[in-house]
Amino acid sequence: MLTVEEILVQLGALRKEYQDDEEDPTYQALHHAYLFISYKIGDFRAYVAEAKRLEEEAD
């Protein structure tokens, strides 16, 4: 599973691919997801940790 930082890097890279058209719904979705996760990084870390734990239990 990706780390929180790796997820943000990937979201940021995808966002940059679409930033030439800021009205594009894909850009807007990526942009807002990136900002929300950045602002709520503690909550996102907890979510990723829980998802990782559940993934490991499933294996």
PDB file of N, CA and C in Angstrom:
ATOM      1  N   MET A   1       0.850  -1.179   0.000  1.00  0.00           N
ATOM      2  CA  MET A   1       0.000   0.000   0.000  1.00  0.00           C
ATOM      3  C   MET A   1       0.892   1.238   0.000  1.00  0.00           C
ATOM      4  N   LEU A   2       0.460   2.250  -0.718  1.00  0.00           N
ATOM      5  CA  LEU A   2       1.197   3.513  -0.761  1.00  0.00           C
ATOM      6  C   LEU A   2       1.146   4.224   0.588  1.00  0.00           C
ATOM      7  N   THR A   3       2.178   5.003   0.870  1.00  0.00           N
ATOM      8  CA  THR A   3       2.159   5.837   2.066  1.00  0.00           C
ATOM      9  C   THR A   3       1.315   7.076   1.783  1.00  0.00           C
ATOM     10  N   VAL A   4       0.976   7.798   2.840  1.00  0.00           N
ATOM     11  CA  VAL A   4       0.215   9.031   2.693  1.00  0.00           C
ATOM     12  C   VAL A   4       0.950  10.004   1.781  1.00  0.00           C
ATOM     13  N   GLU A   5       2.247  10.125   1.980  1.00  0.00           N
ATOM     14  CA  GLU A   5       3.043  11.048   1.164  1.00  0.00           C
ATOM     15  C   GLU A   5       3.039  10.634  -0.303  1.00  0.00           C
ATOM     16  N   GLU A   6       3.146   9.327  -0.558  1.00  0.00           N
ATOM     17  CA  GLU A   6       3.138   8.835  -1.938  1.00  0.00           C
ATOM     18  C   GLU A   6       1.781   9.093  -2.608  1.00  0.00           C
ATOM     19  N   ILE A   7       0.716   8.937  -1.848  1.00  0.00           N
ATOM     20  CA  ILE A   7      -0.617   9.210  -2.383  1.00  0.00           C
ATOM     21  C   ILE A   7      -0.739  10.685  -2.765  1.00  0.00           C
ATOM     22  N   LEU A   8      -0.266  11.573  -1.887  1.00  0.00           N
ATOM     23  CA  LEU A   8      -0.330  13.003  -2.195  1.00  0.00           C
ATOM     24  C   LEU A   8       0.520  13.355  -3.404  1.00  0.00           C
ATOM     25  N   VAL A   9       1.682  12.741  -3.527  1.00  0.00           N
ATOM     26  CA  VAL A   9       2.538  12.988  -4.696  1.00  0.00           C
ATOM     27  C   VAL A   9       1.808  12.567  -5.969  1.00  0.00           C
ATOM     28  N   GLN A  10       1.175  11.395  -5.941  1.00  0.00           N
ATOM     29  CA  GLN A  10       0.463  10.911  -7.121  1.00  0.00           C
ATOM     30  C   GLN A  10      -0.723  11.815  -7.461  1.00  0.00           C
ATOM     31  N   LEU A  11      -1.489  12.224  -6.445  1.00  0.00           N
ATOM     32  CA  LEU A  11      -2.597  13.145  -6.687  1.00  0.00           C
ATOM     33  C   LEU A  11      -2.103  14.472  -7.255  1.00  0.00           C
ATOM     34  N   GLY A  12      -1.000  14.968  -6.708  1.00  0.00           N
ATOM     35  CA  GLY A  12      -0.430  16.219  -7.206  1.00  0.00           C
ATOM     36  C   GLY A  12       0.005  16.109  -8.652  1.00  0.00           C
ATOM     37  N   ALA A  13       0.610  14.976  -9.005  1.00  0.00           N
ATOM     38  CA  ALA A  13       1.047  14.770 -10.389  1.00  0.00           C
ATOM     39  C   ALA A  13      -0.152  14.700 -11.337  1.00  0.00           C
ATOM     40  N   LEU A  14      -1.185  13.991 -10.932  1.00  0.00           N
ATOM     41  CA  LEU A  14      -2.389  13.920 -11.758  1.00  0.00           C
ATOM     42  C   LEU A  14      -3.034  15.292 -11.910  1.00  0.00           C
ATOM     43  N   ARG A  15      -3.072  16.036 -10.826  1.00  0.00           N
ATOM     44  CA  ARG A  15      -3.659  17.379 -10.854  1.00  0.00           C
ATOM     45  C   ARG A  15      -2.913  18.260 -11.851  1.00  0.00           C
ATOM     46  N   LYS A  16      -1.583  18.168 -11.865  1.00  0.00           N
ATOM     47  CA  LYS A  16      -0.777  18.974 -12.790  1.00  0.00           C
ATOM     48  C   LYS A  16      -1.061  18.625 -14.250  1.00  0.00           C
ATOM     49  N   GLU A  17      -1.374  17.353 -14.508  1.00  0.00           N
ATOM     50  CA  GLU A  17      -1.684  16.934 -15.878  1.00  0.00           C
ATOM     51  C   GLU A  17      -2.923  17.643 -16.423  1.00  0.00           C
ATOM     52  N   TYR A  18      -3.820  18.022 -15.539  1.00  0.00           N
ATOM     53  CA  TYR A  18      -5.091  18.611 -15.954  1.00  0.00           C
ATOM     54  C   TYR A  18      -5.182  20.108 -15.689  1.00  0.00           C
ATOM     55  N   GLN A  19      -4.153  20.715 -15.124  1.00  0.00           N
ATOM     56  CA  GLN A  19      -4.258  22.107 -14.694  1.00  0.00           C
ATOM     57  C   GLN A  19      -4.339  23.123 -15.828  1.00  0.00           C
ATOM     58  N   ASP A  20      -4.104  22.704 -17.065  1.00  0.00           N
ATOM     59  CA  ASP A  20      -4.212  23.658 -18.177  1.00  0.00           C
ATOM     60  C   ASP A  20      -5.666  24.075 -18.420  1.00  0.00           C
ATOM     61  N   ASP A  21      -6.621  23.303 -17.905  1.00  0.00           N
ATOM     62  CA  ASP A  21      -8.039  23.653 -18.022  1.00  0.00           C
ATOM     63  C   ASP A  21      -8.677  23.535 -16.643  1.00  0.00           C
ATOM     64  N   GLU A  22      -8.663  24.637 -15.905  1.00  0.00           N
ATOM     65  CA  GLU A  22      -9.159  24.610 -14.531  1.00  0.00           C
ATOM     66  C   GLU A  22     -10.672  24.436 -14.439  1.00  0.00           C
ATOM     67  N   GLU A  23     -11.364  24.487 -15.574  1.00  0.00           N
ATOM     68  CA  GLU A  23     -12.812  24.245 -15.595  1.00  0.00           C
ATOM     69  C   GLU A  23     -13.119  22.761 -15.809  1.00  0.00           C
ATOM     70  N   ASP A  24     -12.111  21.988 -16.178  1.00  0.00           N
ATOM     71  CA  ASP A  24     -12.276  20.557 -16.401  1.00  0.00           C
ATOM     72  C   ASP A  24     -12.716  19.878 -15.097  1.00  0.00           C
ATOM     73  N   PRO A  25     -13.795  19.102 -15.130  1.00  0.00           N
ATOM     74  CA  PRO A  25     -14.261  18.437 -13.914  1.00  0.00           C
ATOM     75  C   PRO A  25     -13.217  17.498 -13.299  1.00  0.00           C
ATOM     76  N   THR A  26     -12.399  16.887 -14.129  1.00  0.00           N
ATOM     77  CA  THR A  26     -11.355  16.008 -13.602  1.00  0.00           C
ATOM     78  C   THR A  26     -10.343  16.819 -12.813  1.00  0.00           C
ATOM     79  N   TYR A  27      -9.934  17.959 -13.353  1.00  0.00           N
ATOM     80  CA  TYR A  27      -9.009  18.825 -12.635  1.00  0.00           C
ATOM     81  C   TYR A  27      -9.626  19.277 -11.313  1.00  0.00           C
ATOM     82  N   GLN A  28     -10.855  19.709 -11.359  1.00  0.00           N
ATOM     83  CA  GLN A  28     -11.504  20.202 -10.148  1.00  0.00           C
ATOM     84  C   GLN A  28     -11.598  19.110  -9.086  1.00  0.00           C
ATOM     85  N   ALA A  29     -11.944  17.900  -9.492  1.00  0.00           N
ATOM     86  CA  ALA A  29     -12.037  16.792  -8.543  1.00  0.00           C
ATOM     87  C   ALA A  29     -10.672  16.492  -7.926  1.00  0.00           C
ATOM     88  N   LEU A  30      -9.647  16.415  -8.757  1.00  0.00           N
ATOM     89  CA  LEU A  30      -8.301  16.145  -8.253  1.00  0.00           C
ATOM     90  C   LEU A  30      -7.802  17.275  -7.357  1.00  0.00           C
ATOM     91  N   HIS A  31      -8.061  18.501  -7.764  1.00  0.00           N
ATOM     92  CA  HIS A  31      -7.621  19.670  -7.016  1.00  0.00           C
ATOM     93  C   HIS A  31      -8.254  19.690  -5.623  1.00  0.00           C
ATOM     94  N   HIS A  32      -9.554  19.492  -5.561  1.00  0.00           N
ATOM     95  CA  HIS A  32     -10.233  19.546  -4.272  1.00  0.00           C
ATOM     96  C   HIS A  32      -9.882  18.344  -3.398  1.00  0.00           C
ATOM     97  N   ALA A  33      -9.714  17.193  -3.998  1.00  0.00           N
ATOM     98  CA  ALA A  33      -9.284  16.022  -3.220  1.00  0.00           C
ATOM     99  C   ALA A  33      -7.897  16.265  -2.629  1.00  0.00           C
ATOM    100  N   TYR A  34      -6.997  16.796  -3.432  1.00  0.00           N
ATOM    101  CA  TYR A  34      -5.638  17.089  -2.969  1.00  0.00           C
ATOM    102  C   TYR A  34      -5.663  18.098  -1.813  1.00  0.00           C
ATOM    103  N   LEU A  35      -6.427  19.167  -1.973  1.00  0.00           N
ATOM    104  CA  LEU A  35      -6.504  20.180  -0.922  1.00  0.00           C
ATOM    105  C   LEU A  35      -7.138  19.624   0.348  1.00  0.00           C
ATOM    106  N   PHE A  36      -8.219  18.893   0.208  1.00  0.00           N
ATOM    107  CA  PHE A  36      -8.904  18.341   1.373  1.00  0.00           C
ATOM    108  C   PHE A  36      -7.989  17.395   2.147  1.00  0.00           C
ATOM    109  N   ILE A  37      -7.345  16.500   1.426  1.00  0.00           N
ATOM    110  CA  ILE A  37      -6.436  15.555   2.090  1.00  0.00           C
ATOM    111  C   ILE A  37      -5.283  16.295   2.748  1.00  0.00           C
ATOM    112  N   SER A  38      -4.753  17.308   2.078  1.00  0.00           N
ATOM    113  CA  SER A  38      -3.656  18.098   2.652  1.00  0.00           C
ATOM    114  C   SER A  38      -4.090  18.782   3.946  1.00  0.00           C
ATOM    115  N   TYR A  39      -5.296  19.327   3.971  1.00  0.00           N
ATOM    116  CA  TYR A  39      -5.795  20.028   5.154  1.00  0.00           C
ATOM    117  C   TYR A  39      -6.151  19.070   6.284  1.00  0.00           C
ATOM    118  N   LYS A  40      -6.584  17.871   5.924  1.00  0.00           N
ATOM    119  CA  LYS A  40      -7.015  16.878   6.903  1.00  0.00           C
ATOM    120  C   LYS A  40      -6.021  15.716   6.965  1.00  0.00           C
ATOM    121  N   ILE A  41      -4.744  16.035   6.913  1.00  0.00           N
ATOM    122  CA  ILE A  41      -3.707  15.012   6.807  1.00  0.00           C
ATOM    123  C   ILE A  41      -3.737  14.029   7.978  1.00  0.00           C
ATOM    124  N   GLY A  42      -4.025  14.518   9.169  1.00  0.00           N
ATOM    125  CA  GLY A  42      -4.102  13.627  10.327  1.00  0.00           C
ATOM    126  C   GLY A  42      -5.208  12.598  10.179  1.00  0.00           C
ATOM    127  N   ASP A  43      -6.377  13.048   9.754  1.00  0.00           N
ATOM    128  CA  ASP A  43      -7.492  12.135   9.521  1.00  0.00           C
ATOM    129  C   ASP A  43      -7.170  11.159   8.393  1.00  0.00           C
ATOM    130  N   PHE A  44      -6.505  11.652   7.356  1.00  0.00           N
ATOM    131  CA  PHE A  44      -6.158  10.782   6.234  1.00  0.00           C
ATOM    132  C   PHE A  44      -5.123   9.744   6.649  1.00  0.00           C
ATOM    133  N   ARG A  45      -4.164  10.140   7.486  1.00  0.00           N
ATOM    134  CA  ARG A  45      -3.184   9.168   8.003  1.00  0.00           C
ATOM    135  C   ARG A  45      -3.894   8.059   8.775  1.00  0.00           C
ATOM    136  N   ALA A  46      -4.861   8.429   9.594  1.00  0.00           N
ATOM    137  CA  ALA A  46      -5.612   7.429  10.359  1.00  0.00           C
ATOM    138  C   ALA A  46      -6.382   6.504   9.417  1.00  0.00           C
ATOM    139  N   TYR A  47      -6.991   7.078   8.386  1.00  0.00           N
ATOM    140  CA  TYR A  47      -7.722   6.277   7.399  1.00  0.00           C
ATOM    141  C   TYR A  47      -6.790   5.277   6.702  1.00  0.00           C
ATOM    142  N   VAL A  48      -5.633   5.755   6.252  1.00  0.00           N
ATOM    143  CA  VAL A  48      -4.686   4.885   5.542  1.00  0.00           C
ATOM    144  C   VAL A  48      -4.181   3.780   6.469  1.00  0.00           C
ATOM    145  N   ALA A  49      -3.906   4.114   7.717  1.00  0.00           N
ATOM    146  CA  ALA A  49      -3.449   3.103   8.679  1.00  0.00           C
ATOM    147  C   ALA A  49      -4.518   2.036   8.877  1.00  0.00           C
ATOM    148  N   GLU A  50      -5.761   2.457   9.002  1.00  0.00           N
ATOM    149  CA  GLU A  50      -6.861   1.499   9.172  1.00  0.00           C
ATOM    150  C   GLU A  50      -7.045   0.650   7.916  1.00  0.00           C
ATOM    151  N   ALA A  51      -6.966   1.267   6.753  1.00  0.00           N
ATOM    152  CA  ALA A  51      -7.098   0.523   5.498  1.00  0.00           C
ATOM    153  C   ALA A  51      -5.963  -0.497   5.367  1.00  0.00           C
ATOM    154  N   LYS A  52      -4.767  -0.115   5.762  1.00  0.00           N
ATOM    155  CA  LYS A  52      -3.617  -1.028   5.704  1.00  0.00           C
ATOM    156  C   LYS A  52      -3.827  -2.198   6.658  1.00  0.00           C
ATOM    157  N   ARG A  53      -4.324  -1.910   7.869  1.00  0.00           N
ATOM    158  CA  ARG A  53      -4.573  -2.958   8.852  1.00  0.00           C
ATOM    159  C   ARG A  53      -5.611  -3.946   8.310  1.00  0.00           C
ATOM    160  N   LEU A  54      -6.685  -3.424   7.753  1.00  0.00           N
ATOM    161  CA  LEU A  54      -7.730  -4.298   7.193  1.00  0.00           C
ATOM    162  C   LEU A  54      -7.212  -5.118   6.018  1.00  0.00           C
ATOM    163  N   GLU A  55      -6.373  -4.511   5.210  1.00  0.00           N
ATOM    164  CA  GLU A  55      -5.784  -5.220   4.066  1.00  0.00           C
ATOM    165  C   GLU A  55      -4.901  -6.368   4.548  1.00  0.00           C
ATOM    166  N   GLU A  56      -4.116  -6.106   5.591  1.00  0.00           N
ATOM    167  CA  GLU A  56      -3.236  -7.146   6.137  1.00  0.00           C
ATOM    168  C   GLU A  56      -4.037  -8.274   6.778  1.00  0.00           C
ATOM    169  N   GLU A  57      -5.149  -7.945   7.431  1.00  0.00           N
ATOM    170  CA  GLU A  57      -6.011  -8.974   8.031  1.00  0.00           C
ATOM    171  C   GLU A  57      -6.639  -9.855   6.962  1.00  0.00           C
ATOM    172  N   ALA A  58      -6.936  -9.273   5.811  1.00  0.00           N
ATOM    173  CA  ALA A  58      -7.580 -10.015   4.733  1.00  0.00           C
ATOM    174  C   ALA A  58      -6.631 -11.011   4.082  1.00  0.00           C
ATOM    175  N   ASP A  59      -5.338 -10.736   4.192  1.00  0.00           N
ATOM    176  CA  ASP A  59      -4.342 -11.634   3.565  1.00  0.00           C
ATOM    177  C   ASP A  59      -4.121 -12.832   4.392  1.00  0.00           C
TER     178      ASP A  59
END
